[in-house]
C-alpha atoms as a PDB file:
ATOM      1  CA  UNK A   1     -27.818  -9.483   3.986  1.00  0.00           C
ATOM      2  CA  UNK A   2     -25.478  -6.417   4.277  1.00  0.00           C
ATOM      3  CA  UNK A   3     -24.626  -4.624   0.940  1.00  0.00           C
ATOM      4  CA  UNK A   4     -21.554  -2.559   1.758  1.00  0.00           C
ATOM      5  CA  UNK A   5     -20.072   0.298  -0.163  1.00  0.00           C
ATOM      6  CA  UNK A   6     -16.541   0.271   1.330  1.00  0.00           C
ATOM      7  CA  UNK A   7     -14.087  -2.202   2.581  1.00  0.00           C
ATOM      8  CA  UNK A   8     -13.629   0.012   5.652  1.00  0.00           C
ATOM      9  CA  UNK A   9     -17.073   0.235   6.540  1.00  0.00           C
ATOM     10  CA  UNK A  10     -17.310  -3.610   7.780  1.00  0.00           C
ATOM     11  CA  UNK A  11     -17.564  -4.409  11.181  1.00  0.00           C
ATOM     12  CA  UNK A  12     -15.151  -7.121  12.586  1.00  0.00           C
ATOM     13  CA  UNK A  13     -17.128 -10.430  13.493  1.00  0.00           C
ATOM     14  CA  UNK A  14     -16.333 -13.893  13.355  1.00  0.00           C
ATOM     15  CA  UNK A  15     -19.418 -15.146  11.766  1.00  0.00           C
ATOM     16  CA  UNK A  16     -19.298 -12.546   9.174  1.00  0.00           C
ATOM     17  CA  UNK A  17     -18.074 -13.719   5.576  1.00  0.00           C
ATOM     18  CA  UNK A  18     -17.025 -10.788   3.483  1.00  0.00           C
ATOM     19  CA  UNK A  19     -17.093 -11.448  -0.308  1.00  0.00           C
ATOM     20  CA  UNK A  20     -16.281  -9.262  -3.282  1.00  0.00           C
ATOM     21  CA  UNK A  21     -14.719  -8.898  -6.554  1.00  0.00           C
ATOM     22  CA  UNK A  22     -15.908  -9.005 -10.309  1.00  0.00           C
ATOM     23  CA  UNK A  23     -19.373  -7.631 -11.066  1.00  0.00           C
ATOM     24  CA  UNK A  24     -19.832 -10.646 -13.393  1.00  0.00           C
ATOM     25  CA  UNK A  25     -20.216 -12.860 -10.257  1.00  0.00           C
ATOM     26  CA  UNK A  26     -22.304 -10.536  -7.930  1.00  0.00           C
ATOM     27  CA  UNK A  27     -25.810 -11.966  -9.111  1.00  0.00           C
ATOM     28  CA  UNK A  28     -24.594 -15.371  -8.279  1.00  0.00           C
ATOM     29  CA  UNK A  29     -23.090 -14.377  -5.068  1.00  0.00           C
ATOM     30  CA  UNK A  30     -26.131 -12.221  -3.786  1.00  0.00           C
ATOM     31  CA  UNK A  31     -28.345 -15.264  -4.760  1.00  0.00           C
ATOM     32  CA  UNK A  32     -26.236 -17.687  -2.749  1.00  0.00           C
ATOM     33  CA  UNK A  33     -26.000 -15.545   0.163  1.00  0.00           C
ATOM     34  CA  UNK A  34     -29.540 -15.066   0.493  1.00  0.00           C
ATOM     35  CA  UNK A  35     -30.385 -18.828   0.597  1.00  0.00           C
ATOM     36  CA  UNK A  36     -27.285 -19.384   2.705  1.00  0.00           C
ATOM     37  CA  UNK A  37     -28.486 -16.922   5.376  1.00  0.00           C
ATOM     38  CA  UNK A  38     -31.914 -18.734   5.468  1.00  0.00           C
ATOM     39  CA  UNK A  39     -29.957 -22.020   6.395  1.00  0.00           C
ATOM     40  CA  UNK A  40     -27.588 -20.127   8.797  1.00  0.00           C
ATOM     41  CA  UNK A  41     -29.095 -17.265  10.606  1.00  0.00           C
ATOM     42  CA  UNK A  42     -26.176 -16.917  12.745  1.00  0.00           C
ATOM     43  CA  UNK A  43     -24.063 -16.090   9.810  1.00  0.00           C
ATOM     44  CA  UNK A  44     -23.916 -12.927   7.676  1.00  0.00           C
ATOM     45  CA  UNK A  45     -22.737 -12.718   4.157  1.00  0.00           C
ATOM     46  CA  UNK A  46     -21.566  -9.148   3.275  1.00  0.00           C
ATOM     47  CA  UNK A  47     -21.264  -8.812  -0.542  1.00  0.00           C
ATOM     48  CA  UNK A  48     -19.448  -5.712  -1.898  1.00  0.00           C
ATOM     49  CA  UNK A  49     -20.543  -4.079  -4.899  1.00  0.00           C
ATOM     50  CA  UNK A  50     -18.134  -4.525  -8.164  1.00  0.00           C
ATOM     51  CA  UNK A  51     -14.335  -3.952  -7.389  1.00  0.00           C
ATOM     52  CA  UNK A  52     -13.066  -6.185 -10.205  1.00  0.00           C
ATOM     53  CA  UNK A  53     -11.209  -9.413 -10.353  1.00  0.00           C
ATOM     54  CA  UNK A  54      -7.911  -7.524  -9.822  1.00  0.00           C
ATOM     55  CA  UNK A  55      -9.640  -5.621  -6.733  1.00  0.00           C
ATOM     56  CA  UNK A  56     -11.047  -8.726  -5.349  1.00  0.00           C
ATOM     57  CA  UNK A  57      -7.605 -10.611  -5.296  1.00  0.00           C
ATOM     58  CA  UNK A  58      -5.886  -7.682  -3.900  1.00  0.00           C
ATOM     59  CA  UNK A  59      -8.563  -7.426  -0.889  1.00  0.00           C
ATOM     60  CA  UNK A  60      -8.019 -10.830  -0.026  1.00  0.00           C
ATOM     61  CA  UNK A  61      -4.284 -10.530  -0.111  1.00  0.00           C
ATOM     62  CA  UNK A  62      -4.729  -7.489   2.257  1.00  0.00           C
ATOM     63  CA  UNK A  63      -7.061  -9.444   4.358  1.00  0.00           C
ATOM     64  CA  UNK A  64     -10.096  -7.081   3.671  1.00  0.00           C
ATOM     65  CA  UNK A  65     -12.087  -9.740   1.983  1.00  0.00           C
ATOM     66  CA  UNK A  66     -12.561 -13.584   3.230  1.00  0.00           C
ATOM     67  CA  UNK A  67     -13.425 -14.526  -0.330  1.00  0.00           C
ATOM     68  CA  UNK A  68     -12.848 -12.887  -3.744  1.00  0.00           C
ATOM     69  CA  UNK A  69     -14.750 -13.744  -6.902  1.00  0.00           C
ATOM     70  CA  UNK A  70     -12.728 -13.367  -9.998  1.00  0.00           C
ATOM     71  CA  UNK A  71     -13.364 -13.848 -13.705  1.00  0.00           C
ATOM     72  CA  UNK A  72      -9.949 -14.750 -14.709  1.00  0.00           C
ATOM     73  CA  UNK A  73      -7.073 -17.126 -13.813  1.00  0.00           C
ATOM     74  CA  UNK A  74      -4.577 -15.613 -11.132  1.00  0.00           C
ATOM     75  CA  UNK A  75      -1.171 -14.460 -12.141  1.00  0.00           C
ATOM     76  CA  UNK A  76       1.937 -16.226 -10.856  1.00  0.00           C
ATOM     77  CA  UNK A  77       2.527 -13.058  -8.934  1.00  0.00           C
ATOM     78  CA  UNK A  78      -0.803 -13.180  -7.385  1.00  0.00           C
ATOM     79  CA  UNK A  79      -0.457 -16.928  -6.366  1.00  0.00           C
ATOM     80  CA  UNK A  80       2.802 -16.375  -4.915  1.00  0.00           C
ATOM     81  CA  UNK A  81       0.733 -14.066  -2.128  1.00  0.00           C
ATOM     82  CA  UNK A  82      -0.431 -17.471  -0.685  1.00  0.00           C
ATOM     83  CA  UNK A  83      -3.810 -17.475  -2.510  1.00  0.00           C
ATOM     84  CA  UNK A  84      -5.526 -20.184  -3.850  1.00  0.00           C
ATOM     85  CA  UNK A  85      -8.685 -20.302  -6.198  1.00  0.00           C
ATOM     86  CA  UNK A  86     -11.471 -22.732  -6.816  1.00  0.00           C
ATOM     87  CA  UNK A  87     -13.766 -22.726  -9.947  1.00  0.00           C
ATOM     88  CA  UNK A  88     -17.359 -22.152  -9.154  1.00  0.00           C
ATOM     89  CA  UNK A  89     -19.270 -21.718 -12.426  1.00  0.00           C
ATOM     90  CA  UNK A  90     -19.210 -20.250 -15.961  1.00  0.00           C
ATOM     91  CA  UNK A  91     -21.171 -17.853 -17.452  1.00  0.00           C
ATOM     92  CA  UNK A  92     -21.642 -17.121 -21.126  1.00  0.00           C
ATOM     93  CA  UNK A  93     -19.586 -13.988 -22.513  1.00  0.00           C
ATOM     94  CA  UNK A  94     -22.207 -12.331 -24.830  1.00  0.00           C
ATOM     95  CA  UNK A  95     -22.827  -9.266 -27.107  1.00  0.00           C
ATOM     96  CA  UNK A  96     -25.916  -7.469 -26.112  1.00  0.00           C
ATOM     97  CA  UNK A  97     -28.092  -4.418 -26.763  1.00  0.00           C
ATOM     98  CA  UNK A  98     -31.008  -2.746 -25.258  1.00  0.00           C
ATOM     99  CA  UNK A  99     -34.362  -5.075 -25.455  1.00  0.00           C
ATOM    100  CA  UNK A 100     -35.832  -2.408 -27.622  1.00  0.00           C
ATOM    101  CA  UNK A 101     -33.363  -2.553 -30.373  1.00  0.00           C
ATOM    102  CA  UNK A 102     -33.944  -4.291 -33.802  1.00  0.00           C
ATOM    103  CA  UNK A 103     -31.104  -6.510 -33.581  1.00  0.00           C
ATOM    104  CA  UNK A 104     -30.725 -10.021 -34.668  1.00  0.00           C
ATOM    105  CA  UNK A 105     -27.967 -12.971 -34.814  1.00  0.00           C
ATOM    106  CA  UNK A 106     -24.570 -11.533 -35.689  1.00  0.00           C
ATOM    107  CA  UNK A 107     -21.543 -13.365 -37.049  1.00  0.00           C
ATOM    108  CA  UNK A 108     -18.071 -12.683 -35.486  1.00  0.00           C
ATOM    109  CA  UNK A 109     -16.877 -10.678 -38.846  1.00  0.00           C
ATOM    110  CA  UNK A 110     -20.109  -8.627 -38.220  1.00  0.00           C
ATOM    111  CA  UNK A 111     -19.243  -7.866 -34.543  1.00  0.00           C
ATOM    112  CA  UNK A 112     -15.495  -6.918 -35.504  1.00  0.00           C
ATOM    113  CA  UNK A 113     -17.262  -4.696 -38.212  1.00  0.00           C
ATOM    114  CA  UNK A 114     -19.336  -2.865 -35.659  1.00  0.00           C
ATOM    115  CA  UNK A 115     -16.358  -1.958 -33.222  1.00  0.00           C
ATOM    116  CA  UNK A 116     -14.259  -0.995 -36.537  1.00  0.00           C
ATOM    117  CA  UNK A 117     -17.186   1.454 -37.734  1.00  0.00           C
ATOM    118  CA  UNK A 118     -17.733  -0.456 -40.830  1.00  0.00           C
ATOM    119  CA  UNK A 119     -21.275  -1.589 -39.976  1.00  0.00           C
ATOM    120  CA  UNK A 120     -22.896   1.362 -38.183  1.00  0.00           C
ATOM    121  CA  UNK A 121     -26.585   0.714 -38.507  1.00  0.00           C
ATOM    122  CA  UNK A 122     -29.175  -1.976 -37.277  1.00  0.00           C
ATOM    123  CA  UNK A 123     -31.385  -3.402 -39.812  1.00  0.00           C
ATOM    124  CA  UNK A 124     -34.024  -0.697 -39.222  1.00  0.00           C
ATOM    125  CA  UNK A 125     -31.308   1.901 -39.946  1.00  0.00           C
ATOM    126  CA  UNK A 126     -30.857   3.145 -36.556  1.00  0.00           C
ATOM    127  CA  UNK A 127     -27.214   4.138 -35.515  1.00  0.00           C
ATOM    128  CA  UNK A 128     -25.379   1.363 -33.479  1.00  0.00           C
ATOM    129  CA  UNK A 129     -23.858   2.907 -30.295  1.00  0.00           C
ATOM    130  CA  UNK A 130     -21.046   1.228 -28.959  1.00  0.00           C
ATOM    131  CA  UNK A 131     -20.740   0.756 -25.044  1.00  0.00           C
ATOM    132  CA  UNK A 132     -17.037  -0.473 -24.292  1.00  0.00           C
ATOM    133  CA  UNK A 133     -15.153  -1.538 -21.343  1.00  0.00           C
ATOM    134  CA  UNK A 134     -12.069   0.051 -19.854  1.00  0.00           C
ATOM    135  CA  UNK A 135      -8.743  -1.503 -21.343  1.00  0.00           C
ATOM    136  CA  UNK A 136      -7.818  -2.732 -17.899  1.00  0.00           C
ATOM    137  CA  UNK A 137     -10.892  -4.803 -17.627  1.00  0.00           C
ATOM    138  CA  UNK A 138     -10.985  -8.683 -18.078  1.00  0.00           C
ATOM    139  CA  UNK A 139     -14.018  -8.188 -20.531  1.00  0.00           C
ATOM    140  CA  UNK A 140     -11.502  -6.135 -22.846  1.00  0.00           C
ATOM    141  CA  UNK A 141      -8.531  -8.261 -22.495  1.00  0.00           C
ATOM    142  CA  UNK A 142     -10.853 -11.316 -23.399  1.00  0.00           C
ATOM    143  CA  UNK A 143     -12.512  -9.834 -26.454  1.00  0.00           C
ATOM    144  CA  UNK A 144      -9.439  -8.627 -27.970  1.00  0.00           C
ATOM    145  CA  UNK A 145      -8.420 -12.240 -28.820  1.00  0.00           C
ATOM    146  CA  UNK A 146     -11.462 -12.983 -30.547  1.00  0.00           C
ATOM    147  CA  UNK A 147     -10.115 -12.139 -33.827  1.00  0.00           C
ATOM    148  CA  UNK A 148      -6.776 -11.302 -35.310  1.00  0.00           C
ATOM    149  CA  UNK A 149      -7.587  -7.807 -35.994  1.00  0.00           C
ATOM    150  CA  UNK A 150      -9.831  -7.144 -32.858  1.00  0.00           C
ATOM    151  CA  UNK A 151      -7.418  -5.845 -30.395  1.00  0.00           C
ATOM    152  CA  UNK A 152      -6.289  -3.109 -32.901  1.00  0.00           C
ATOM    153  CA  UNK A 153      -9.950  -2.490 -33.709  1.00  0.00           C
ATOM    154  CA  UNK A 154     -11.012  -1.923 -29.985  1.00  0.00           C
ATOM    155  CA  UNK A 155      -8.052   0.512 -29.826  1.00  0.00           C
ATOM    156  CA  UNK A 156      -9.835   2.416 -32.468  1.00  0.00           C
ATOM    157  CA  UNK A 157     -13.128   2.320 -31.008  1.00  0.00           C
ATOM    158  CA  UNK A 158     -11.745   3.726 -27.516  1.00  0.00           C
ATOM    159  CA  UNK A 159     -10.257   6.567 -29.497  1.00  0.00           C
ATOM    160  CA  UNK A 160     -13.566   7.693 -30.666  1.00  0.00           C
ATOM    161  CA  UNK A 161     -14.800  11.115 -29.231  1.00  0.00           C
ATOM    162  CA  UNK A 162     -17.653  10.825 -26.980  1.00  0.00           C
ATOM    163  CA  UNK A 163     -17.508   6.823 -26.829  1.00  0.00           C
ATOM    164  CA  UNK A 164     -19.618   5.199 -23.832  1.00  0.00           C
ATOM    165  CA  UNK A 165     -17.237   3.393 -21.417  1.00  0.00           C
ATOM    166  CA  UNK A 166     -18.900   1.328 -18.648  1.00  0.00           C
ATOM    167  CA  UNK A 167     -16.644   1.020 -15.724  1.00  0.00           C
ATOM    168  CA  UNK A 168     -18.307  -1.791 -13.944  1.00  0.00           C
ATOM    169  CA  UNK A 169     -20.359  -4.774 -15.238  1.00  0.00           C
ATOM    170  CA  UNK A 170     -23.413  -3.274 -13.612  1.00  0.00           C
ATOM    171  CA  UNK A 171     -22.607   0.417 -15.119  1.00  0.00           C
ATOM    172  CA  UNK A 172     -22.148  -1.264 -18.785  1.00  0.00           C
ATOM    173  CA  UNK A 173     -25.462  -3.227 -18.245  1.00  0.00           C
ATOM    174  CA  UNK A 174     -27.194   0.056 -17.221  1.00  0.00           C
ATOM    175  CA  UNK A 175     -25.808   1.802 -20.371  1.00  0.00           C
ATOM    176  CA  UNK A 176     -26.748  -0.929 -22.569  1.00  0.00           C
ATOM    177  CA  UNK A 177     -30.399  -0.934 -21.139  1.00  0.00           C
ATOM    178  CA  UNK A 178     -30.693   2.880 -21.361  1.00  0.00           C
ATOM    179  CA  UNK A 179     -28.881   3.798 -24.944  1.00  0.00           C
ATOM    180  CA  UNK A 180     -30.865   3.450 -27.810  1.00  0.00           C
ATOM    181  CA  UNK A 181     -29.293   1.120 -30.361  1.00  0.00           C
ATOM    182  CA  UNK A 182     -26.688   0.111 -27.890  1.00  0.00           C
ATOM    183  CA  UNK A 183     -24.138  -2.337 -28.639  1.00  0.00           C
ATOM    184  CA  UNK A 184     -21.635  -4.163 -26.045  1.00  0.00           C
ATOM    185  CA  UNK A 185     -20.361  -7.264 -24.139  1.00  0.00           C
ATOM    186  CA  UNK A 186     -21.953  -8.603 -20.778  1.00  0.00           C
ATOM    187  CA  UNK A 187     -22.241 -11.835 -18.999  1.00  0.00           C
ATOM    188  CA  UNK A 188     -25.362 -13.873 -19.215  1.00  0.00           C
ATOM    189  CA  UNK A 189     -25.495 -14.802 -15.409  1.00  0.00           C
ATOM    190  CA  UNK A 190     -25.745 -10.945 -14.737  1.00  0.00           C
ATOM    191  CA  UNK A 191     -28.445 -10.052 -17.189  1.00  0.00           C
ATOM    192  CA  UNK A 192     -30.612 -12.999 -16.085  1.00  0.00           C
ATOM    193  CA  UNK A 193     -29.940 -12.599 -12.083  1.00  0.00           C
ATOM    194  CA  UNK A 194     -30.479  -8.972 -12.127  1.00  0.00           C
ATOM    195  CA  UNK A 195     -33.660  -8.971 -14.602  1.00  0.00           C
ATOM    196  CA  UNK A 196     -32.066  -6.568 -17.078  1.00  0.00           C
ATOM    197  CA  UNK A 197     -33.954  -5.464 -20.050  1.00  0.00           C
ATOM    198  CA  UNK A 198     -31.162  -6.188 -22.407  1.00  0.00           C
ATOM    199  CA  UNK A 199     -31.032  -9.106 -24.975  1.00  0.00           C
ATOM    200  CA  UNK A 200     -28.097 -11.123 -25.576  1.00  0.00           C
ATOM    201  CA  UNK A 201     -27.513 -12.012 -29.372  1.00  0.00           C
ATOM    202  CA  UNK A 202     -26.391 -15.136 -31.119  1.00  0.00           C
ATOM    203  CA  UNK A 203     -23.273 -15.274 -32.707  1.00  0.00           C
ATOM    204  CA  UNK A 204     -22.480 -17.559 -35.922  1.00  0.00           C
ATOM    205  CA  UNK A 205     -26.113 -19.121 -35.263  1.00  0.00           C
ATOM    206  CA  UNK A 206     -25.330 -20.180 -31.636  1.00  0.00           C
ATOM    207  CA  UNK A 207     -27.500 -19.076 -28.783  1.00  0.00           C
ATOM    208  CA  UNK A 208     -25.584 -17.729 -25.787  1.00  0.00           C
ATOM    209  CA  UNK A 209     -27.819 -20.410 -23.694  1.00  0.00           C
ATOM    210  CA  UNK A 210     -26.505 -23.224 -25.817  1.00  0.00           C
ATOM    211  CA  UNK A 211     -23.828 -25.700 -24.413  1.00  0.00           C
ATOM    212  CA  UNK A 212     -21.932 -25.170 -27.801  1.00  0.00           C
ATOM    213  CA  UNK A 213     -21.761 -21.360 -27.251  1.00  0.00           C
ATOM    214  CA  UNK A 214     -17.983 -20.814 -27.399  1.00  0.00           C
ATOM    215  CA  UNK A 215     -17.395 -17.496 -25.291  1.00  0.00           C
ATOM    216  CA  UNK A 216     -17.631 -18.287 -21.514  1.00  0.00           C
ATOM    217  CA  UNK A 217     -15.998 -16.794 -18.483  1.00  0.00           C
ATOM    218  CA  UNK A 218     -15.169 -18.908 -15.512  1.00  0.00           C
ATOM    219  CA  UNK A 219     -15.904 -17.596 -12.064  1.00  0.00           C
ATOM    220  CA  UNK A 220     -13.623 -18.344  -9.525  1.00  0.00           C
ATOM    221  CA  UNK A 221     -13.492 -17.928  -5.746  1.00  0.00           C
ATOM    222  CA  UNK A 222     -10.175 -16.851  -4.203  1.00  0.00           C
ATOM    223  CA  UNK A 223      -8.988 -17.312  -0.357  1.00  0.00           C
ATOM    224  CA  UNK A 224      -6.202 -17.653   1.647  1.00  0.00           C
ATOM    225  CA  UNK A 225      -6.536 -21.147   3.072  1.00  0.00           C
ATOM    226  CA  UNK A 226      -4.385 -20.665   6.079  1.00  0.00           C
ATOM    227  CA  UNK A 227      -6.808 -18.039   7.276  1.00  0.00           C
ATOM    228  CA  UNK A 228     -10.137 -19.538   6.221  1.00  0.00           C
ATOM    229  CA  UNK A 229     -12.693 -19.019   8.715  1.00  0.00           C
ATOM    230  CA  UNK A 230     -15.428 -21.723   9.643  1.00  0.00           C
ATOM    231  CA  UNK A 231     -18.070 -19.537   8.071  1.00  0.00           C
ATOM    232  CA  UNK A 232     -16.141 -18.865   4.887  1.00  0.00           C
ATOM    233  CA  UNK A 233     -15.575 -22.646   4.450  1.00  0.00           C
ATOM    234  CA  UNK A 234     -19.222 -23.442   5.037  1.00  0.00           C
ATOM    235  CA  UNK A 235     -20.158 -20.543   2.649  1.00  0.00           C
ATOM    236  CA  UNK A 236     -18.028 -22.221  -0.228  1.00  0.00           C
ATOM    237  CA  UNK A 237     -19.394 -25.754   0.384  1.00  0.00           C
ATOM    238  CA  UNK A 238     -23.062 -24.386   0.309  1.00  0.00           C
ATOM    239  CA  UNK A 239     -22.112 -22.663  -2.898  1.00  0.00           C
ATOM    240  CA  UNK A 240     -20.855 -25.984  -4.565  1.00  0.00           C
ATOM    241  CA  UNK A 241     -23.718 -28.345  -2.935  1.00  0.00           C
ATOM    242  CA  UNK A 242     -26.794 -29.365  -4.985  1.00  0.00           C
ATOM    243  CA  UNK A 243     -28.880 -26.536  -3.846  1.00  0.00           C
ATOM    244  CA  UNK A 244     -26.186 -24.151  -4.262  1.00  0.00           C
ATOM    245  CA  UNK A 245     -25.483 -25.464  -7.918  1.00  0.00           C
ATOM    246  CA  UNK A 246     -29.360 -25.131  -8.115  1.00  0.00           C
ATOM    247  CA  UNK A 247     -29.431 -21.434  -7.377  1.00  0.00           C
ATOM    248  CA  UNK A 248     -26.522 -20.976  -9.682  1.00  0.00           C
ATOM    249  CA  UNK A 249     -28.159 -22.225 -12.574  1.00  0.00           C
ATOM    250  CA  UNK A 250     -31.599 -20.367 -11.766  1.00  0.00           C
ATOM    251  CA  UNK A 251     -29.368 -17.294 -11.977  1.00  0.00           C
ATOM    252  CA  UNK A 252     -28.203 -17.785 -15.428  1.00  0.00           C
ATOM    253  CA  UNK A 253     -24.818 -19.425 -14.435  1.00  0.00           C
ATOM    254  CA  UNK A 254     -23.586 -22.959 -15.194  1.00  0.00           C
ATOM    255  CA  UNK A 255     -22.117 -24.636 -12.193  1.00  0.00           C
ATOM    256  CA  UNK A 256     -18.857 -26.372 -12.785  1.00  0.00           C
ATOM    257  CA  UNK A 257     -20.323 -29.899 -12.213  1.00  0.00           C
ATOM    258  CA  UNK A 258     -22.547 -29.183 -15.136  1.00  0.00           C
ATOM    259  CA  UNK A 259     -19.891 -27.662 -17.630  1.00  0.00           C
ATOM    260  CA  UNK A 260     -19.045 -30.170 -20.136  1.00  0.00           C
ATOM    261  CA  UNK A 261     -16.193 -28.172 -21.801  1.00  0.00           C
ATOM    262  CA  UNK A 262     -13.641 -25.713 -20.526  1.00  0.00           C
ATOM    263  CA  UNK A 263     -14.033 -22.061 -20.763  1.00  0.00           C
ATOM    264  CA  UNK A 264     -12.176 -20.312 -23.837  1.00  0.00           C
END
């Protein structure tokens, strides 16, 4: 399986499926690609490191990718480019910290208080250190709607001198792992699939692994149906098969067939 670090570096081949987009889905894509290639040794699934949902959509539109993975719905403008999307799985959108932090369950009010600086220490007295996401990122936009005051609170947090900002999902997870007392957002599927030393915190008494956990993102696969290769269609069919759904579940994602409620 080829891990490529630039869209222009990929070789052209009819049996190569080029996939990329949000880092939230990279753990799922890599696990699916590895299993798919065992069944189809004549096909190669090339998974690009995170370029974001918008990057994935643009790359499919520009014919640089066969499939884009996104964690938000497409806009009308993006759909007008001749693109379609199919939902693949959901994953819990969690508040997380280093595995070594003395942190326990939080309320949503406490979450807002942390971002506002009103709650500045963990229960052992050690300082809370924020790890933010860029204002242009899907995670930031999603979190901004959690409470009436969250958007203004996040804007204030971004103005703090020296605050950590994880540009990609993977970079944010690394900062959460390595920063003592860290606090930020992540997706459960990426924590599980990459074996990260990060713990996801319950919110309002609900564990992120519970079906009742209210904060989830939906992973969608974007494609241009008029130019879908047979290999790309085959990979999508595998991702939605019984084996593909099992792989997604083991990687910490919830396949759409198992999702009992719509994502928020």
